[in-house]
Amino acid sequence: MSIDLQNSIEEAGLDPKVFVIAPPFLGAVRFTAGSLRAQGFQVGFEPLPTNPHHGEVWGNFTTGKKKWLQKNAEMFVDPKS
């Protein structure tokens, strides 16, 4: 799962909410790395040439874990705002 790393964005002096609204914008949710790791996922940096704050979540995205992600996703930037 592709992610942007909030701590990395903030350490670069950028506003993470502005950072994630580039088109196409569908909204943004957030999870803590600890909560993802507690579900057995691995979380880490995976910088891209166009995004040094890019990361990845690796693991087995079973139906149960997908449901957990949907249930525990915290709205970060609402697409309606």
PDB file of N, CA and C in Angstrom:
ATOM      1  N   MET A   1       0.858  -1.156   0.000  1.00  0.00           N
ATOM      2  CA  MET A   1       0.000   0.000   0.000  1.00  0.00           C
ATOM      3  C   MET A   1       0.906   1.221   0.000  1.00  0.00           C
ATOM      4  N   SER A   2       0.638   2.125  -0.899  1.00  0.00           N
ATOM      5  CA  SER A   2       1.427   3.346  -1.028  1.00  0.00           C
ATOM      6  C   SER A   2       0.977   4.367   0.016  1.00  0.00           C
ATOM      7  N   ILE A   3       1.947   4.994   0.668  1.00  0.00           N
ATOM      8  CA  ILE A   3       1.640   5.984   1.715  1.00  0.00           C
ATOM      9  C   ILE A   3       2.582   7.179   1.591  1.00  0.00           C
ATOM     10  N   ASP A   4       2.205   8.251   2.229  1.00  0.00           N
ATOM     11  CA  ASP A   4       3.099   9.391   2.441  1.00  0.00           C
ATOM     12  C   ASP A   4       3.392   9.443   3.930  1.00  0.00           C
ATOM     13  N   LEU A   5       4.633   9.702   4.287  1.00  0.00           N
ATOM     14  CA  LEU A   5       5.082   9.653   5.678  1.00  0.00           C
ATOM     15  C   LEU A   5       4.999  11.044   6.300  1.00  0.00           C
ATOM     16  N   GLN A   6       4.013  11.214   7.175  1.00  0.00           N
ATOM     17  CA  GLN A   6       3.738  12.516   7.779  1.00  0.00           C
ATOM     18  C   GLN A   6       4.956  13.096   8.478  1.00  0.00           C
ATOM     19  N   ASN A   7       5.673  12.294   9.255  1.00  0.00           N
ATOM     20  CA  ASN A   7       6.848  12.810   9.971  1.00  0.00           C
ATOM     21  C   ASN A   7       7.890  13.355   9.006  1.00  0.00           C
ATOM     22  N   SER A   8       8.119  12.646   7.920  1.00  0.00           N
ATOM     23  CA  SER A   8       9.097  13.091   6.926  1.00  0.00           C
ATOM     24  C   SER A   8       8.668  14.415   6.292  1.00  0.00           C
ATOM     25  N   ILE A   9       7.386  14.526   5.985  1.00  0.00           N
ATOM     26  CA  ILE A   9       6.855  15.754   5.384  1.00  0.00           C
ATOM     27  C   ILE A   9       7.023  16.926   6.348  1.00  0.00           C
ATOM     28  N   GLU A  10       6.661  16.722   7.620  1.00  0.00           N
ATOM     29  CA  GLU A  10       6.762  17.794   8.623  1.00  0.00           C
ATOM     30  C   GLU A  10       8.220  18.173   8.880  1.00  0.00           C
ATOM     31  N   GLU A  11       9.115  17.186   8.905  1.00  0.00           N
ATOM     32  CA  GLU A  11      10.538  17.483   9.114  1.00  0.00           C
ATOM     33  C   GLU A  11      11.113  18.318   7.977  1.00  0.00           C
ATOM     34  N   ALA A  12      10.506  18.226   6.795  1.00  0.00           N
ATOM     35  CA  ALA A  12      10.936  19.028   5.649  1.00  0.00           C
ATOM     36  C   ALA A  12      10.304  20.417   5.663  1.00  0.00           C
ATOM     37  N   GLY A  13       9.518  20.704   6.711  1.00  0.00           N
ATOM     38  CA  GLY A  13       8.889  22.014   6.843  1.00  0.00           C
ATOM     39  C   GLY A  13       7.652  22.201   5.978  1.00  0.00           C
ATOM     40  N   LEU A  14       7.061  21.098   5.549  1.00  0.00           N
ATOM     41  CA  LEU A  14       5.875  21.158   4.702  1.00  0.00           C
ATOM     42  C   LEU A  14       4.627  20.811   5.502  1.00  0.00           C
ATOM     43  N   ASP A  15       3.484  21.297   5.036  1.00  0.00           N
ATOM     44  CA  ASP A  15       2.195  20.974   5.647  1.00  0.00           C
ATOM     45  C   ASP A  15       1.709  19.670   5.039  1.00  0.00           C
ATOM     46  N   PRO A  16       1.589  18.598   5.828  1.00  0.00           N
ATOM     47  CA  PRO A  16       1.204  17.306   5.265  1.00  0.00           C
ATOM     48  C   PRO A  16      -0.179  17.313   4.626  1.00  0.00           C
ATOM     49  N   LYS A  17      -1.086  18.137   5.120  1.00  0.00           N
ATOM     50  CA  LYS A  17      -2.426  18.174   4.512  1.00  0.00           C
ATOM     51  C   LYS A  17      -2.380  18.770   3.113  1.00  0.00           C
ATOM     52  N   VAL A  18      -1.577  19.804   2.923  1.00  0.00           N
ATOM     53  CA  VAL A  18      -1.441  20.388   1.591  1.00  0.00           C
ATOM     54  C   VAL A  18      -0.728  19.399   0.676  1.00  0.00           C
ATOM     55  N   PHE A  19       0.201  18.666   1.227  1.00  0.00           N
ATOM     56  CA  PHE A  19       1.020  17.739   0.450  1.00  0.00           C
ATOM     57  C   PHE A  19       0.191  16.634  -0.197  1.00  0.00           C
ATOM     58  N   VAL A  20      -0.887  16.209   0.449  1.00  0.00           N
ATOM     59  CA  VAL A  20      -1.643  15.046  -0.046  1.00  0.00           C
ATOM     60  C   VAL A  20      -2.859  15.403  -0.891  1.00  0.00           C
ATOM     61  N   ILE A  21      -3.059  16.674  -1.209  1.00  0.00           N
ATOM     62  CA  ILE A  21      -4.256  17.026  -1.972  1.00  0.00           C
ATOM     63  C   ILE A  21      -4.001  17.264  -3.458  1.00  0.00           C
ATOM     64  N   ALA A  22      -2.835  16.900  -3.940  1.00  0.00           N
ATOM     65  CA  ALA A  22      -2.541  17.059  -5.365  1.00  0.00           C
ATOM     66  C   ALA A  22      -3.492  16.189  -6.188  1.00  0.00           C
ATOM     67  N   PRO A  23      -3.937  16.674  -7.327  1.00  0.00           N
ATOM     68  CA  PRO A  23      -4.868  15.896  -8.168  1.00  0.00           C
ATOM     69  C   PRO A  23      -4.232  14.603  -8.639  1.00  0.00           C
ATOM     70  N   PRO A  24      -4.991  13.531  -8.869  1.00  0.00           N
ATOM     71  CA  PRO A  24      -6.426  13.465  -8.578  1.00  0.00           C
ATOM     72  C   PRO A  24      -6.641  13.246  -7.087  1.00  0.00           C
ATOM     73  N   PHE A  25      -7.481  14.061  -6.475  1.00  0.00           N
ATOM     74  CA  PHE A  25      -7.673  14.042  -5.028  1.00  0.00           C
ATOM     75  C   PHE A  25      -8.964  13.329  -4.666  1.00  0.00           C
ATOM     76  N   LEU A  26      -8.839  12.277  -3.891  1.00  0.00           N
ATOM     77  CA  LEU A  26     -10.000  11.522  -3.436  1.00  0.00           C
ATOM     78  C   LEU A  26     -10.190  11.629  -1.931  1.00  0.00           C
ATOM     79  N   GLY A  27      -9.302  12.315  -1.238  1.00  0.00           N
ATOM     80  CA  GLY A  27      -9.318  12.360   0.216  1.00  0.00           C
ATOM     81  C   GLY A  27      -8.105  11.626   0.742  1.00  0.00           C
ATOM     82  N   ALA A  28      -7.848  11.782   2.004  1.00  0.00           N
ATOM     83  CA  ALA A  28      -6.689  11.116   2.598  1.00  0.00           C
ATOM     84  C   ALA A  28      -7.058  10.615   3.985  1.00  0.00           C
ATOM     85  N   VAL A  29      -6.647   9.401   4.271  1.00  0.00           N
ATOM     86  CA  VAL A  29      -6.838   8.824   5.599  1.00  0.00           C
ATOM     87  C   VAL A  29      -5.466   8.581   6.203  1.00  0.00           C
ATOM     88  N   ARG A  30      -5.478   8.306   7.498  1.00  0.00           N
ATOM     89  CA  ARG A  30      -4.194   8.073   8.160  1.00  0.00           C
ATOM     90  C   ARG A  30      -4.296   6.899   9.117  1.00  0.00           C
ATOM     91  N   PHE A  31      -3.146   6.323   9.353  1.00  0.00           N
ATOM     92  CA  PHE A  31      -2.953   5.254  10.332  1.00  0.00           C
ATOM     93  C   PHE A  31      -1.632   5.545  11.022  1.00  0.00           C
ATOM     94  N   THR A  32      -1.452   5.056  12.232  1.00  0.00           N
ATOM     95  CA  THR A  32      -0.130   5.122  12.835  1.00  0.00           C
ATOM     96  C   THR A  32       0.655   3.899  12.367  1.00  0.00           C
ATOM     97  N   ALA A  33       1.958   4.067  12.260  1.00  0.00           N
ATOM     98  CA  ALA A  33       2.804   2.936  11.883  1.00  0.00           C
ATOM     99  C   ALA A  33       2.652   1.809  12.901  1.00  0.00           C
ATOM    100  N   GLY A  34       2.526   2.174  14.175  1.00  0.00           N
ATOM    101  CA  GLY A  34       2.382   1.158  15.220  1.00  0.00           C
ATOM    102  C   GLY A  34       1.127   0.319  15.063  1.00  0.00           C
ATOM    103  N   SER A  35       0.021   0.961  14.689  1.00  0.00           N
ATOM    104  CA  SER A  35      -1.218   0.192  14.521  1.00  0.00           C
ATOM    105  C   SER A  35      -1.117  -0.743  13.322  1.00  0.00           C
ATOM    106  N   LEU A  36      -0.451  -0.300  12.271  1.00  0.00           N
ATOM    107  CA  LEU A  36      -0.260  -1.161  11.105  1.00  0.00           C
ATOM    108  C   LEU A  36       0.663  -2.326  11.445  1.00  0.00           C
ATOM    109  N   ARG A  37       1.732  -2.032  12.174  1.00  0.00           N
ATOM    110  CA  ARG A  37       2.670  -3.098  12.562  1.00  0.00           C
ATOM    111  C   ARG A  37       1.993  -4.105  13.483  1.00  0.00           C
ATOM    112  N   ALA A  38       1.082  -3.626  14.341  1.00  0.00           N
ATOM    113  CA  ALA A  38       0.358  -4.527  15.244  1.00  0.00           C
ATOM    114  C   ALA A  38      -0.535  -5.496  14.466  1.00  0.00           C
ATOM    115  N   GLN A  39      -0.881  -5.148  13.239  1.00  0.00           N
ATOM    116  CA  GLN A  39      -1.675  -6.024  12.373  1.00  0.00           C
ATOM    117  C   GLN A  39      -0.796  -6.945  11.526  1.00  0.00           C
ATOM    118  N   GLY A  40       0.512  -6.865  11.747  1.00  0.00           N
ATOM    119  CA  GLY A  40       1.435  -7.733  11.038  1.00  0.00           C
ATOM    120  C   GLY A  40       2.002  -7.141   9.758  1.00  0.00           C
ATOM    121  N   PHE A  41       1.692  -5.878   9.486  1.00  0.00           N
ATOM    122  CA  PHE A  41       2.241  -5.225   8.298  1.00  0.00           C
ATOM    123  C   PHE A  41       3.641  -4.689   8.592  1.00  0.00           C
ATOM    124  N   GLN A  42       4.418  -4.502   7.547  1.00  0.00           N
ATOM    125  CA  GLN A  42       5.692  -3.796   7.641  1.00  0.00           C
ATOM    126  C   GLN A  42       5.484  -2.414   7.047  1.00  0.00           C
ATOM    127  N   VAL A  43       6.102  -1.413   7.651  1.00  0.00           N
ATOM    128  CA  VAL A  43       5.964  -0.028   7.212  1.00  0.00           C
ATOM    129  C   VAL A  43       7.356   0.551   7.058  1.00  0.00           C
ATOM    130  N   GLY A  44       7.594   1.254   5.944  1.00  0.00           N
ATOM    131  CA  GLY A  44       8.912   1.837   5.783  1.00  0.00           C
ATOM    132  C   GLY A  44       8.993   2.832   4.644  1.00  0.00           C
ATOM    133  N   PHE A  45      10.164   3.475   4.565  1.00  0.00           N
ATOM    134  CA  PHE A  45      10.443   4.438   3.504  1.00  0.00           C
ATOM    135  C   PHE A  45      10.591   3.712   2.178  1.00  0.00           C
ATOM    136  N   GLU A  46      10.066   4.304   1.138  1.00  0.00           N
ATOM    137  CA  GLU A  46      10.241   3.835  -0.235  1.00  0.00           C
ATOM    138  C   GLU A  46      10.214   5.074  -1.125  1.00  0.00           C
ATOM    139  N   PRO A  47      11.232   5.957  -0.948  1.00  0.00           N
ATOM    140  CA  PRO A  47      11.225   7.237  -1.667  1.00  0.00           C
ATOM    141  C   PRO A  47      11.144   7.050  -3.181  1.00  0.00           C
ATOM    142  N   LEU A  48      10.473   7.983  -3.819  1.00  0.00           N
ATOM    143  CA  LEU A  48      10.368   8.024  -5.275  1.00  0.00           C
ATOM    144  C   LEU A  48      11.097   9.259  -5.772  1.00  0.00           C
ATOM    145  N   PRO A  49      11.539   9.273  -7.014  1.00  0.00           N
ATOM    146  CA  PRO A  49      12.214  10.466  -7.543  1.00  0.00           C
ATOM    147  C   PRO A  49      11.363  11.734  -7.424  1.00  0.00           C
ATOM    148  N   THR A  50      10.054  11.581  -7.538  1.00  0.00           N
ATOM    149  CA  THR A  50       9.153  12.736  -7.454  1.00  0.00           C
ATOM    150  C   THR A  50       8.559  12.939  -6.069  1.00  0.00           C
ATOM    151  N   ASN A  51       8.845  12.038  -5.126  1.00  0.00           N
ATOM    152  CA  ASN A  51       8.270  12.140  -3.781  1.00  0.00           C
ATOM    153  C   ASN A  51       9.218  11.526  -2.755  1.00  0.00           C
ATOM    154  N   PRO A  52      10.066  12.347  -2.141  1.00  0.00           N
ATOM    155  CA  PRO A  52      11.005  11.817  -1.150  1.00  0.00           C
ATOM    156  C   PRO A  52      10.333  11.386   0.157  1.00  0.00           C
ATOM    157  N   HIS A  53       9.040  11.660   0.314  1.00  0.00           N
ATOM    158  CA  HIS A  53       8.302  11.323   1.536  1.00  0.00           C
ATOM    159  C   HIS A  53       7.407  10.099   1.342  1.00  0.00           C
ATOM    160  N   HIS A  54       7.617   9.394   0.256  1.00  0.00           N
ATOM    161  CA  HIS A  54       6.804   8.225  -0.053  1.00  0.00           C
ATOM    162  C   HIS A  54       7.252   7.040   0.788  1.00  0.00           C
ATOM    163  N   GLY A  55       6.281   6.241   1.176  1.00  0.00           N
ATOM    164  CA  GLY A  55       6.560   5.015   1.906  1.00  0.00           C
ATOM    165  C   GLY A  55       5.661   3.907   1.404  1.00  0.00           C
ATOM    166  N   GLU A  56       5.808   2.758   1.998  1.00  0.00           N
ATOM    167  CA  GLU A  56       5.005   1.595   1.622  1.00  0.00           C
ATOM    168  C   GLU A  56       4.592   0.842   2.876  1.00  0.00           C
ATOM    169  N   VAL A  57       3.476   0.166   2.754  1.00  0.00           N
ATOM    170  CA  VAL A  57       3.026  -0.805   3.748  1.00  0.00           C
ATOM    171  C   VAL A  57       3.026  -2.146   3.026  1.00  0.00           C
ATOM    172  N   TRP A  58       3.785  -3.098   3.560  1.00  0.00           N
ATOM    173  CA  TRP A  58       3.899  -4.412   2.960  1.00  0.00           C
ATOM    174  C   TRP A  58       3.255  -5.444   3.869  1.00  0.00           C
ATOM    175  N   GLY A  59       2.715  -6.466   3.264  1.00  0.00           N
ATOM    176  CA  GLY A  59       2.157  -7.556   4.046  1.00  0.00           C
ATOM    177  C   GLY A  59       1.058  -8.267   3.297  1.00  0.00           C
ATOM    178  N   ASN A  60       0.409  -9.168   4.001  1.00  0.00           N
ATOM    179  CA  ASN A  60      -0.668  -9.958   3.435  1.00  0.00           C
ATOM    180  C   ASN A  60      -1.993  -9.235   3.693  1.00  0.00           C
ATOM    181  N   PHE A  61      -2.540  -8.638   2.656  1.00  0.00           N
ATOM    182  CA  PHE A  61      -3.786  -7.876   2.773  1.00  0.00           C
ATOM    183  C   PHE A  61      -4.976  -8.827   2.631  1.00  0.00           C
ATOM    184  N   THR A  62      -5.208  -9.595   3.687  1.00  0.00           N
ATOM    185  CA  THR A  62      -6.331 -10.530   3.694  1.00  0.00           C
ATOM    186  C   THR A  62      -7.640  -9.750   3.771  1.00  0.00           C
ATOM    187  N   THR A  63      -8.733 -10.438   3.557  1.00  0.00           N
ATOM    188  CA  THR A  63     -10.048  -9.803   3.667  1.00  0.00           C
ATOM    189  C   THR A  63     -10.233  -9.211   5.061  1.00  0.00           C
ATOM    190  N   GLY A  64      -9.826  -9.927   6.088  1.00  0.00           N
ATOM    191  CA  GLY A  64      -9.952  -9.431   7.454  1.00  0.00           C
ATOM    192  C   GLY A  64      -9.118  -8.180   7.692  1.00  0.00           C
ATOM    193  N   LYS A  65      -7.920  -8.150   7.153  1.00  0.00           N
ATOM    194  CA  LYS A  65      -7.064  -6.973   7.344  1.00  0.00           C
ATOM    195  C   LYS A  65      -7.581  -5.789   6.536  1.00  0.00           C
ATOM    196  N   LYS A  66      -8.146  -6.045   5.369  1.00  0.00           N
ATOM    197  CA  LYS A  66      -8.756  -4.958   4.597  1.00  0.00           C
ATOM    198  C   LYS A  66      -9.925  -4.355   5.366  1.00  0.00           C
ATOM    199  N   LYS A  67     -10.722  -5.199   5.995  1.00  0.00           N
ATOM    200  CA  LYS A  67     -11.836  -4.703   6.814  1.00  0.00           C
ATOM    201  C   LYS A  67     -11.307  -3.901   7.996  1.00  0.00           C
ATOM    202  N   TRP A  68     -10.215  -4.359   8.595  1.00  0.00           N
ATOM    203  CA  TRP A  68      -9.610  -3.620   9.704  1.00  0.00           C
ATOM    204  C   TRP A  68      -9.155  -2.243   9.225  1.00  0.00           C
ATOM    205  N   LEU A  69      -8.517  -2.186   8.049  1.00  0.00           N
ATOM    206  CA  LEU A  69      -8.068  -0.908   7.501  1.00  0.00           C
ATOM    207  C   LEU A  69      -9.251   0.037   7.283  1.00  0.00           C
ATOM    208  N   GLN A  70     -10.332  -0.462   6.718  1.00  0.00           N
ATOM    209  CA  GLN A  70     -11.504   0.376   6.490  1.00  0.00           C
ATOM    210  C   GLN A  70     -12.093   0.880   7.802  1.00  0.00           C
ATOM    211  N   LYS A  71     -12.172   0.009   8.792  1.00  0.00           N
ATOM    212  CA  LYS A  71     -12.763   0.371  10.091  1.00  0.00           C
ATOM    213  C   LYS A  71     -11.894   1.360  10.858  1.00  0.00           C
ATOM    214  N   ASN A  72     -10.576   1.260  10.718  1.00  0.00           N
ATOM    215  CA  ASN A  72      -9.662   2.045  11.537  1.00  0.00           C
ATOM    216  C   ASN A  72      -9.037   3.238  10.821  1.00  0.00           C
ATOM    217  N   ALA A  73      -9.424   3.464   9.593  1.00  0.00           N
ATOM    218  CA  ALA A  73      -8.909   4.623   8.848  1.00  0.00           C
ATOM    219  C   ALA A  73      -9.449   5.899   9.489  1.00  0.00           C
ATOM    220  N   GLU A  74      -8.559   6.798   9.810  1.00  0.00           N
ATOM    221  CA  GLU A  74      -8.929   8.090  10.389  1.00  0.00           C
ATOM    222  C   GLU A  74      -8.860   9.134   9.274  1.00  0.00           C
ATOM    223  N   MET A  75      -9.958   9.876   9.081  1.00  0.00           N
ATOM    224  CA  MET A  75      -9.973  10.897   8.036  1.00  0.00           C
ATOM    225  C   MET A  75      -8.897  11.934   8.326  1.00  0.00           C
ATOM    226  N   PHE A  76      -8.056  12.197   7.358  1.00  0.00           N
ATOM    227  CA  PHE A  76      -6.983  13.186   7.491  1.00  0.00           C
ATOM    228  C   PHE A  76      -7.320  14.447   6.712  1.00  0.00           C
ATOM    229  N   VAL A  77      -7.741  14.285   5.474  1.00  0.00           N
ATOM    230  CA  VAL A  77      -8.211  15.398   4.665  1.00  0.00           C
ATOM    231  C   VAL A  77      -9.481  14.920   3.968  1.00  0.00           C
ATOM    232  N   ASP A  78     -10.583  15.578   4.272  1.00  0.00           N
ATOM    233  CA  ASP A  78     -11.868  15.225   3.702  1.00  0.00           C
ATOM    234  C   ASP A  78     -11.965  15.759   2.274  1.00  0.00           C
ATOM    235  N   PRO A  79     -12.355  14.909   1.318  1.00  0.00           N
ATOM    236  CA  PRO A  79     -12.448  15.391  -0.070  1.00  0.00           C
ATOM    237  C   PRO A  79     -13.537  16.447  -0.262  1.00  0.00           C
ATOM    238  N   LYS A  80     -14.445  16.553   0.693  1.00  0.00           N
ATOM    239  CA  LYS A  80     -15.536  17.533   0.587  1.00  0.00           C
ATOM    240  C   LYS A  80     -15.121  18.913   1.044  1.00  0.00           C
ATOM    241  N   SER A  81     -13.938  19.007   1.658  1.00  0.00           N
ATOM    242  CA  SER A  81     -13.513  20.317   2.182  1.00  0.00           C
ATOM    243  C   SER A  81     -12.576  21.026   1.228  1.00  0.00           C
TER     244      SER A  81
END
